[in-house]
Amino acid sequence: MAHHDVSRILIDQGSSCDVMYQVLFEKLGLKRKDLSSYEGADLQGFNGSTIR
């Protein structure tokens, strides 16, 4: 960013998630009963679309 005027900065407020693929889940010895449903707000994609 050297030698550039910056007019806007976007800050990530920690709204991220860690994706755990099935193969890792199995290698950790976890079972289907160890999963829990997501019951939060709708998820929003980068294109503005939402999904429940």
PDB file of N, CA and C in Angstrom:
ATOM      1  N   MET A   1       0.819  -1.187   0.000  1.00  0.00           N
ATOM      2  CA  MET A   1       0.000   0.000   0.000  1.00  0.00           C
ATOM      3  C   MET A   1       0.867   1.257   0.000  1.00  0.00           C
ATOM      4  N   ALA A   2       2.153   1.061  -0.052  1.00  0.00           N
ATOM      5  CA  ALA A   2       3.043   2.217  -0.091  1.00  0.00           C
ATOM      6  C   ALA A   2       2.771   3.045  -1.339  1.00  0.00           C
ATOM      7  N   HIS A   3       2.866   4.354  -1.207  1.00  0.00           N
ATOM      8  CA  HIS A   3       2.704   5.303  -2.312  1.00  0.00           C
ATOM      9  C   HIS A   3       1.280   5.333  -2.861  1.00  0.00           C
ATOM     10  N   HIS A   4       0.278   4.964  -2.044  1.00  0.00           N
ATOM     11  CA  HIS A   4      -1.127   5.021  -2.453  1.00  0.00           C
ATOM     12  C   HIS A   4      -1.939   5.733  -1.378  1.00  0.00           C
ATOM     13  N   ASP A   5      -2.906   6.544  -1.798  1.00  0.00           N
ATOM     14  CA  ASP A   5      -3.848   7.150  -0.858  1.00  0.00           C
ATOM     15  C   ASP A   5      -4.944   6.137  -0.567  1.00  0.00           C
ATOM     16  N   VAL A   6      -5.210   5.876   0.700  1.00  0.00           N
ATOM     17  CA  VAL A   6      -6.231   4.912   1.104  1.00  0.00           C
ATOM     18  C   VAL A   6      -7.443   5.677   1.608  1.00  0.00           C
ATOM     19  N   SER A   7      -8.606   5.412   1.008  1.00  0.00           N
ATOM     20  CA  SER A   7      -9.815   6.119   1.425  1.00  0.00           C
ATOM     21  C   SER A   7     -10.765   5.244   2.224  1.00  0.00           C
ATOM     22  N   ARG A   8     -10.582   3.933   2.165  1.00  0.00           N
ATOM     23  CA  ARG A   8     -11.479   3.040   2.889  1.00  0.00           C
ATOM     24  C   ARG A   8     -10.738   1.764   3.252  1.00  0.00           C
ATOM     25  N   ILE A   9     -10.957   1.303   4.481  1.00  0.00           N
ATOM     26  CA  ILE A   9     -10.366   0.053   4.948  1.00  0.00           C
ATOM     27  C   ILE A   9     -11.487  -0.806   5.509  1.00  0.00           C
ATOM     28  N   LEU A  10     -11.568  -2.054   5.090  1.00  0.00           N
ATOM     29  CA  LEU A  10     -12.557  -2.987   5.619  1.00  0.00           C
ATOM     30  C   LEU A  10     -11.892  -3.840   6.687  1.00  0.00           C
ATOM     31  N   ILE A  11     -12.556  -3.997   7.820  1.00  0.00           N
ATOM     32  CA  ILE A  11     -11.995  -4.739   8.943  1.00  0.00           C
ATOM     33  C   ILE A  11     -12.823  -5.983   9.198  1.00  0.00           C
ATOM     34  N   ASP A  12     -12.180  -7.132   9.244  1.00  0.00           N
ATOM     35  CA  ASP A  12     -12.846  -8.391   9.577  1.00  0.00           C
ATOM     36  C   ASP A  12     -13.076  -8.427  11.079  1.00  0.00           C
ATOM     37  N   GLN A  13     -14.311  -8.578  11.494  1.00  0.00           N
ATOM     38  CA  GLN A  13     -14.644  -8.585  12.918  1.00  0.00           C
ATOM     39  C   GLN A  13     -14.711  -9.999  13.473  1.00  0.00           C
ATOM     40  N   GLY A  14     -14.020 -10.924  12.848  1.00  0.00           N
ATOM     41  CA  GLY A  14     -13.951 -12.282  13.378  1.00  0.00           C
ATOM     42  C   GLY A  14     -15.098 -13.177  12.969  1.00  0.00           C
ATOM     43  N   SER A  15     -15.798 -12.828  11.909  1.00  0.00           N
ATOM     44  CA  SER A  15     -16.930 -13.646  11.477  1.00  0.00           C
ATOM     45  C   SER A  15     -16.451 -14.706  10.490  1.00  0.00           C
ATOM     46  N   SER A  16     -15.706 -15.646  10.993  1.00  0.00           N
ATOM     47  CA  SER A  16     -15.206 -16.712  10.135  1.00  0.00           C
ATOM     48  C   SER A  16     -15.566 -18.061  10.739  1.00  0.00           C
ATOM     49  N   CYS A  17     -15.315 -19.091  10.001  1.00  0.00           N
ATOM     50  CA  CYS A  17     -15.570 -20.431  10.522  1.00  0.00           C
ATOM     51  C   CYS A  17     -14.476 -21.371  10.041  1.00  0.00           C
ATOM     52  N   ASP A  18     -14.296 -22.444  10.735  1.00  0.00           N
ATOM     53  CA  ASP A  18     -13.343 -23.470  10.342  1.00  0.00           C
ATOM     54  C   ASP A  18     -14.122 -24.628   9.733  1.00  0.00           C
ATOM     55  N   VAL A  19     -13.772 -24.997   8.516  1.00  0.00           N
ATOM     56  CA  VAL A  19     -14.441 -26.097   7.828  1.00  0.00           C
ATOM     57  C   VAL A  19     -13.720 -27.393   8.176  1.00  0.00           C
ATOM     58  N   MET A  20     -14.476 -28.367   8.650  1.00  0.00           N
ATOM     59  CA  MET A  20     -13.907 -29.663   8.994  1.00  0.00           C
ATOM     60  C   MET A  20     -14.500 -30.693   8.038  1.00  0.00           C
ATOM     61  N   TYR A  21     -13.669 -31.231   7.162  1.00  0.00           N
ATOM     62  CA  TYR A  21     -14.142 -32.193   6.177  1.00  0.00           C
ATOM     63  C   TYR A  21     -14.390 -33.555   6.815  1.00  0.00           C
ATOM     64  N   GLN A  22     -15.200 -34.358   6.154  1.00  0.00           N
ATOM     65  CA  GLN A  22     -15.608 -35.654   6.695  1.00  0.00           C
ATOM     66  C   GLN A  22     -14.421 -36.552   7.019  1.00  0.00           C
ATOM     67  N   VAL A  23     -13.392 -36.549   6.175  1.00  0.00           N
ATOM     68  CA  VAL A  23     -12.244 -37.426   6.415  1.00  0.00           C
ATOM     69  C   VAL A  23     -11.540 -37.055   7.731  1.00  0.00           C
ATOM     70  N   LEU A  24     -11.415 -35.771   8.040  1.00  0.00           N
ATOM     71  CA  LEU A  24     -10.819 -35.351   9.304  1.00  0.00           C
ATOM     72  C   LEU A  24     -11.718 -35.750  10.467  1.00  0.00           C
ATOM     73  N   PHE A  25     -13.013 -35.550  10.313  1.00  0.00           N
ATOM     74  CA  PHE A  25     -13.993 -35.917  11.329  1.00  0.00           C
ATOM     75  C   PHE A  25     -13.847 -37.395  11.689  1.00  0.00           C
ATOM     76  N   GLU A  26     -13.712 -38.231  10.660  1.00  0.00           N
ATOM     77  CA  GLU A  26     -13.571 -39.675  10.880  1.00  0.00           C
ATOM     78  C   GLU A  26     -12.226 -40.023  11.520  1.00  0.00           C
ATOM     79  N   LYS A  27     -11.142 -39.371  11.089  1.00  0.00           N
ATOM     80  CA  LYS A  27      -9.819 -39.641  11.659  1.00  0.00           C
ATOM     81  C   LYS A  27      -9.741 -39.246  13.130  1.00  0.00           C
ATOM     82  N   LEU A  28     -10.555 -38.284  13.545  1.00  0.00           N
ATOM     83  CA  LEU A  28     -10.606 -37.883  14.949  1.00  0.00           C
ATOM     84  C   LEU A  28     -11.442 -38.842  15.787  1.00  0.00           C
ATOM     85  N   GLY A  29     -12.064 -39.822  15.126  1.00  0.00           N
ATOM     86  CA  GLY A  29     -12.866 -40.812  15.832  1.00  0.00           C
ATOM     87  C   GLY A  29     -14.223 -40.291  16.273  1.00  0.00           C
ATOM     88  N   LEU A  30     -14.690 -39.219  15.629  1.00  0.00           N
ATOM     89  CA  LEU A  30     -15.986 -38.650  15.988  1.00  0.00           C
ATOM     90  C   LEU A  30     -17.103 -39.368  15.247  1.00  0.00           C
ATOM     91  N   LYS A  31     -18.267 -39.388  15.845  1.00  0.00           N
ATOM     92  CA  LYS A  31     -19.438 -40.060  15.275  1.00  0.00           C
ATOM     93  C   LYS A  31     -20.492 -39.032  14.894  1.00  0.00           C
ATOM     94  N   ARG A  32     -21.492 -39.487  14.149  1.00  0.00           N
ATOM     95  CA  ARG A  32     -22.583 -38.608  13.722  1.00  0.00           C
ATOM     96  C   ARG A  32     -23.278 -37.953  14.915  1.00  0.00           C
ATOM     97  N   LYS A  33     -23.369 -38.665  16.033  1.00  0.00           N
ATOM     98  CA  LYS A  33     -24.032 -38.119  17.225  1.00  0.00           C
ATOM     99  C   LYS A  33     -23.254 -36.944  17.820  1.00  0.00           C
ATOM    100  N   ASP A  34     -21.979 -36.790  17.424  1.00  0.00           N
ATOM    101  CA  ASP A  34     -21.160 -35.686  17.915  1.00  0.00           C
ATOM    102  C   ASP A  34     -21.431 -34.378  17.172  1.00  0.00           C
ATOM    103  N   LEU A  35     -22.182 -34.439  16.074  1.00  0.00           N
ATOM    104  CA  LEU A  35     -22.528 -33.244  15.304  1.00  0.00           C
ATOM    105  C   LEU A  35     -23.677 -32.495  15.963  1.00  0.00           C
ATOM    106  N   SER A  36     -23.718 -31.200  15.758  1.00  0.00           N
ATOM    107  CA  SER A  36     -24.855 -30.409  16.232  1.00  0.00           C
ATOM    108  C   SER A  36     -25.318 -29.494  15.101  1.00  0.00           C
ATOM    109  N   SER A  37     -26.589 -29.162  15.098  1.00  0.00           N
ATOM    110  CA  SER A  37     -27.166 -28.303  14.066  1.00  0.00           C
ATOM    111  C   SER A  37     -26.811 -26.846  14.324  1.00  0.00           C
ATOM    112  N   TYR A  38     -26.695 -26.088  13.235  1.00  0.00           N
ATOM    113  CA  TYR A  38     -26.484 -24.645  13.339  1.00  0.00           C
ATOM    114  C   TYR A  38     -27.838 -23.991  13.527  1.00  0.00           C
ATOM    115  N   GLU A  39     -28.004 -23.240  14.598  1.00  0.00           N
ATOM    116  CA  GLU A  39     -29.299 -22.623  14.886  1.00  0.00           C
ATOM    117  C   GLU A  39     -29.189 -21.115  15.007  1.00  0.00           C
ATOM    118  N   GLY A  40     -28.199 -20.531  14.357  1.00  0.00           N
ATOM    119  CA  GLY A  40     -28.001 -19.085  14.408  1.00  0.00           C
ATOM    120  C   GLY A  40     -28.790 -18.377  13.325  1.00  0.00           C
ATOM    121  N   ALA A  41     -28.360 -17.183  12.999  1.00  0.00           N
ATOM    122  CA  ALA A  41     -29.000 -16.376  11.969  1.00  0.00           C
ATOM    123  C   ALA A  41     -28.684 -16.951  10.588  1.00  0.00           C
ATOM    124  N   ASP A  42     -29.382 -16.447   9.572  1.00  0.00           N
ATOM    125  CA  ASP A  42     -29.106 -16.864   8.199  1.00  0.00           C
ATOM    126  C   ASP A  42     -27.651 -16.560   7.857  1.00  0.00           C
ATOM    127  N   LEU A  43     -27.045 -17.405   7.036  1.00  0.00           N
ATOM    128  CA  LEU A  43     -25.679 -17.184   6.578  1.00  0.00           C
ATOM    129  C   LEU A  43     -25.721 -16.356   5.306  1.00  0.00           C
ATOM    130  N   GLN A  44     -24.779 -15.437   5.149  1.00  0.00           N
ATOM    131  CA  GLN A  44     -24.761 -14.566   3.978  1.00  0.00           C
ATOM    132  C   GLN A  44     -23.488 -14.783   3.186  1.00  0.00           C
ATOM    133  N   GLY A  45     -23.649 -14.966   1.874  1.00  0.00           N
ATOM    134  CA  GLY A  45     -22.514 -15.172   0.988  1.00  0.00           C
ATOM    135  C   GLY A  45     -21.896 -13.859   0.550  1.00  0.00           C
ATOM    136  N   PHE A  46     -20.753 -13.926  -0.111  1.00  0.00           N
ATOM    137  CA  PHE A  46     -20.064 -12.727  -0.579  1.00  0.00           C
ATOM    138  C   PHE A  46     -20.866 -11.975  -1.628  1.00  0.00           C
ATOM    139  N   ASN A  47     -21.755 -12.668  -2.337  1.00  0.00           N
ATOM    140  CA  ASN A  47     -22.565 -12.022  -3.365  1.00  0.00           C
ATOM    141  C   ASN A  47     -23.868 -11.455  -2.808  1.00  0.00           C
ATOM    142  N   GLY A  48     -24.050 -11.504  -1.492  1.00  0.00           N
ATOM    143  CA  GLY A  48     -25.237 -10.951  -0.857  1.00  0.00           C
ATOM    144  C   GLY A  48     -26.374 -11.937  -0.679  1.00  0.00           C
ATOM    145  N   SER A  49     -26.273 -13.131  -1.258  1.00  0.00           N
ATOM    146  CA  SER A  49     -27.334 -14.122  -1.103  1.00  0.00           C
ATOM    147  C   SER A  49     -27.315 -14.689   0.316  1.00  0.00           C
ATOM    148  N   THR A  50     -28.464 -15.137   0.785  1.00  0.00           N
ATOM    149  CA  THR A  50     -28.554 -15.717   2.124  1.00  0.00           C
ATOM    150  C   THR A  50     -29.048 -17.152   2.041  1.00  0.00           C
ATOM    151  N   ILE A  51     -28.697 -17.921   3.049  1.00  0.00           N
ATOM    152  CA  ILE A  51     -29.113 -19.322   3.126  1.00  0.00           C
ATOM    153  C   ILE A  51     -29.346 -19.661   4.591  1.00  0.00           C
ATOM    154  N   ARG A  52     -30.298 -20.498   4.870  1.00  0.00           N
ATOM    155  CA  ARG A  52     -30.572 -20.916   6.248  1.00  0.00           C
ATOM    156  C   ARG A  52     -29.934 -22.246   6.485  1.00  0.00           C
TER     157      ARG A  52
END
